[in-house]
C-alpha atoms as a PDB file:
ATOM      1  CA  MET A   1      -1.892   5.956  -2.938  1.00  0.00           C
ATOM      2  CA  SER A   2      -2.520   2.728  -4.765  1.00  0.00           C
ATOM      3  CA  ILE A   3      -1.413  -0.785  -5.489  1.00  0.00           C
ATOM      4  CA  CYS A   4       1.707   0.737  -7.100  1.00  0.00           C
ATOM      5  CA  GLU A   5       2.999   2.054  -3.761  1.00  0.00           C
ATOM      6  CA  PHE A   6       4.152  -0.909  -1.715  1.00  0.00           C
ATOM      7  CA  ASP A   7       5.320   0.970   1.368  1.00  0.00           C
ATOM      8  CA  VAL A   8       2.079   2.905   1.996  1.00  0.00           C
ATOM      9  CA  VAL A   9      -1.223   1.850   3.544  1.00  0.00           C
ATOM     10  CA  ASP A  10      -3.857   3.187   1.143  1.00  0.00           C
ATOM     11  CA  GLY A  11      -6.499   3.592   3.820  1.00  0.00           C
ATOM     12  CA  ALA A  12      -7.345   2.388   7.318  1.00  0.00           C
ATOM     13  CA  GLY A  13     -10.355   2.410   9.566  1.00  0.00           C
ATOM     14  CA  VAL A  14     -11.825   0.789  12.631  1.00  0.00           C
ATOM     15  CA  GLN A  15     -15.077  -1.138  12.695  1.00  0.00           C
ATOM     16  CA  ASN A  16     -16.068  -2.652  16.044  1.00  0.00           C
ATOM     17  CA  ASP A  17     -13.006  -4.687  17.090  1.00  0.00           C
ATOM     18  CA  SER A  18     -11.511  -4.916  13.575  1.00  0.00           C
ATOM     19  CA  LEU A  19      -8.857  -2.906  11.796  1.00  0.00           C
ATOM     20  CA  ILE A  20      -9.682  -2.562   8.124  1.00  0.00           C
ATOM     21  CA  LEU A  21      -6.779  -1.816   5.796  1.00  0.00           C
ATOM     22  CA  MET A  22      -7.720  -0.834   2.260  1.00  0.00           C
ATOM     23  CA  ILE A  23      -5.780  -1.512  -0.931  1.00  0.00           C
ATOM     24  CA  THR A  24      -6.917   0.408  -4.002  1.00  0.00           C
ATOM     25  CA  ASP A  25      -6.296  -1.204  -7.375  1.00  0.00           C
ATOM     26  CA  HIS A  26      -7.129   1.052 -10.315  1.00  0.00           C
ATOM     27  CA  LEU A  27      -5.194  -0.953 -12.915  1.00  0.00           C
ATOM     28  CA  ASP A  28      -6.867  -3.054 -15.568  1.00  0.00           C
ATOM     29  CA  TRP A  29      -5.761  -6.592 -16.391  1.00  0.00           C
ATOM     30  CA  ILE A  30      -5.142  -5.946 -20.081  1.00  0.00           C
ATOM     31  CA  SER A  31      -2.670  -3.059 -20.398  1.00  0.00           C
ATOM     32  CA  ILE A  32      -0.521  -4.631 -17.652  1.00  0.00           C
ATOM     33  CA  ASP A  33      -0.107  -8.367 -18.101  1.00  0.00           C
ATOM     34  CA  GLU A  34      -1.842 -10.585 -15.590  1.00  0.00           C
ATOM     35  CA  GLU A  35       1.341 -11.970 -14.019  1.00  0.00           C
ATOM     36  CA  THR A  36       2.845  -8.518 -13.419  1.00  0.00           C
ATOM     37  CA  HIS A  37      -0.411  -7.196 -11.994  1.00  0.00           C
ATOM     38  CA  MET A  38      -0.778 -10.221  -9.731  1.00  0.00           C
ATOM     39  CA  ASN A  39       2.814  -9.863  -8.515  1.00  0.00           C
ATOM     40  CA  MET A  40       2.053  -6.244  -7.599  1.00  0.00           C
ATOM     41  CA  SER A  41      -1.017  -7.388  -5.665  1.00  0.00           C
ATOM     42  CA  VAL A  42       0.955 -10.054  -3.814  1.00  0.00           C
ATOM     43  CA  LYS A  43       3.709  -7.591  -2.925  1.00  0.00           C
ATOM     44  CA  LYS A  44       1.186  -5.066  -1.582  1.00  0.00           C
ATOM     45  CA  ILE A  45      -0.705  -7.719   0.429  1.00  0.00           C
ATOM     46  CA  ASN A  46       2.567  -9.017   1.883  1.00  0.00           C
ATOM     47  CA  ALA A  47       3.477  -5.466   2.929  1.00  0.00           C
ATOM     48  CA  TYR A  48       0.136  -5.209   4.735  1.00  0.00           C
ATOM     49  CA  LEU A  49       0.734  -8.556   6.449  1.00  0.00           C
ATOM     50  CA  ASP A  50       4.125  -7.261   7.612  1.00  0.00           C
ATOM     51  CA  PHE A  51       2.350  -4.118   8.858  1.00  0.00           C
ATOM     52  CA  ILE A  52      -0.044  -6.282  10.874  1.00  0.00           C
ATOM     53  CA  GLU A  53       2.547  -8.742  12.194  1.00  0.00           C
ATOM     54  CA  GLY A  54       4.892  -5.896  13.132  1.00  0.00           C
ATOM     55  CA  ARG A  55       2.027  -4.163  14.966  1.00  0.00           C
ATOM     56  CA  GLN A  56       2.819  -0.942  13.110  1.00  0.00           C
ATOM     57  CA  TYR A  57      -0.849   0.006  13.405  1.00  0.00           C
ATOM     58  CA  GLN A  58      -0.207   0.730  17.096  1.00  0.00           C
ATOM     59  CA  ASN A  59       1.444   4.000  16.068  1.00  0.00           C
ATOM     60  CA  THR A  60      -1.961   5.221  14.913  1.00  0.00           C
ATOM     61  CA  TYR A  61      -4.224   3.183  17.187  1.00  0.00           C
ATOM     62  CA  PRO A  62      -2.205   2.740  20.415  1.00  0.00           C
ATOM     63  CA  ASN A  63      -5.141   2.005  22.721  1.00  0.00           C
ATOM     64  CA  ILE A  64      -7.096  -0.499  20.665  1.00  0.00           C
ATOM     65  CA  ALA A  65      -6.628  -4.257  20.977  1.00  0.00           C
ATOM     66  CA  PHE A  66      -7.868  -5.490  17.605  1.00  0.00           C
ATOM     67  CA  LYS A  67      -9.352  -8.970  17.454  1.00  0.00           C
ATOM     68  CA  ARG A  68      -9.443  -9.089  13.656  1.00  0.00           C
ATOM     69  CA  PHE A  69      -7.762  -7.567  10.632  1.00  0.00           C
ATOM     70  CA  ILE A  70      -9.340  -7.173   7.229  1.00  0.00           C
ATOM     71  CA  ILE A  71      -7.368  -6.370   4.093  1.00  0.00           C
ATOM     72  CA  ASP A  72     -10.006  -4.824   1.876  1.00  0.00           C
ATOM     73  CA  VAL A  73      -8.844  -5.021  -1.759  1.00  0.00           C
ATOM     74  CA  ARG A  74     -10.909  -2.630  -3.858  1.00  0.00           C
ATOM     75  CA  CYS A  75     -10.491  -3.122  -7.596  1.00  0.00           C
ATOM     76  CA  LYS A  76     -11.765  -0.942 -10.384  1.00  0.00           C
ATOM     77  CA  TYR A  77     -11.746  -3.917 -12.774  1.00  0.00           C
ATOM     78  CA  GLU A  78     -12.834  -7.518 -12.349  1.00  0.00           C
ATOM     79  CA  MET A  79      -9.974  -9.731 -11.184  1.00  0.00           C
ATOM     80  CA  PRO A  80      -9.254 -12.854 -13.278  1.00  0.00           C
ATOM     81  CA  ALA A  81     -10.404 -16.166 -11.777  1.00  0.00           C
ATOM     82  CA  LYS A  82      -6.806 -17.331 -11.319  1.00  0.00           C
ATOM     83  CA  CYS A  83      -6.089 -14.310  -9.108  1.00  0.00           C
ATOM     84  CA  VAL A  84      -9.302 -14.695  -7.127  1.00  0.00           C
ATOM     85  CA  HIS A  85      -8.288 -18.315  -6.505  1.00  0.00           C
ATOM     86  CA  TYR A  86      -4.905 -17.111  -5.202  1.00  0.00           C
ATOM     87  CA  LEU A  87      -6.642 -14.762  -2.748  1.00  0.00           C
ATOM     88  CA  GLU A  88      -8.860 -17.598  -1.539  1.00  0.00           C
ATOM     89  CA  LYS A  89      -5.767 -19.747  -0.871  1.00  0.00           C
ATOM     90  CA  ALA A  90      -4.035 -16.806   0.832  1.00  0.00           C
ATOM     91  CA  ASN A  91      -7.053 -16.391   3.114  1.00  0.00           C
ATOM     92  CA  GLU A  92      -6.604 -19.955   4.346  1.00  0.00           C
ATOM     93  CA  LYS A  93      -2.940 -19.335   5.156  1.00  0.00           C
ATOM     94  CA  ILE A  94      -3.507 -16.101   7.066  1.00  0.00           C
ATOM     95  CA  LYS A  95      -6.326 -17.335   9.301  1.00  0.00           C
ATOM     96  CA  PRO A  96      -3.910 -17.853  12.232  1.00  0.00           C
ATOM     97  CA  LEU A  97      -3.143 -14.116  12.051  1.00  0.00           C
ATOM     98  CA  LYS A  98      -6.874 -13.420  12.519  1.00  0.00           C
ATOM     99  CA  THR A  99      -6.681 -11.727   9.142  1.00  0.00           C
ATOM    100  CA  GLN A 100      -8.939 -11.913   6.120  1.00  0.00           C
ATOM    101  CA  ILE A 101      -8.604 -10.596   2.576  1.00  0.00           C
ATOM    102  CA  ARG A 102     -11.836  -9.233   1.157  1.00  0.00           C
ATOM    103  CA  LEU A 103     -12.258  -8.407  -2.526  1.00  0.00           C
ATOM    104  CA  GLN A 104     -14.594  -5.734  -3.852  1.00  0.00           C
ATOM    105  CA  VAL A 105     -15.006  -4.579  -7.432  1.00  0.00           C
ATOM    106  CA  ASN A 106     -16.217  -1.005  -7.688  1.00  0.00           C
END
């Protein structure tokens, strides 16, 4: 599972009262142009937001009332500044959903 599969949650886990949903991004930003790569990221994040808003997580975690959701984007390669800026803006918009996007470069 990876950023290339838009209809799959790459990984999920529970920490305290939060549901953490992981996106794995193994693609570099050179062999795939930046705009295409960013569009893939946006599409995957939007799918996760739909997953959260549709409460699809209740199929797996039926008895947990989550207070927070974290979309943990784990990248193999450093994300360009323009894309990091997009994620920062997206974080502002999704605050009402009690959701946060976190970026980690491994």
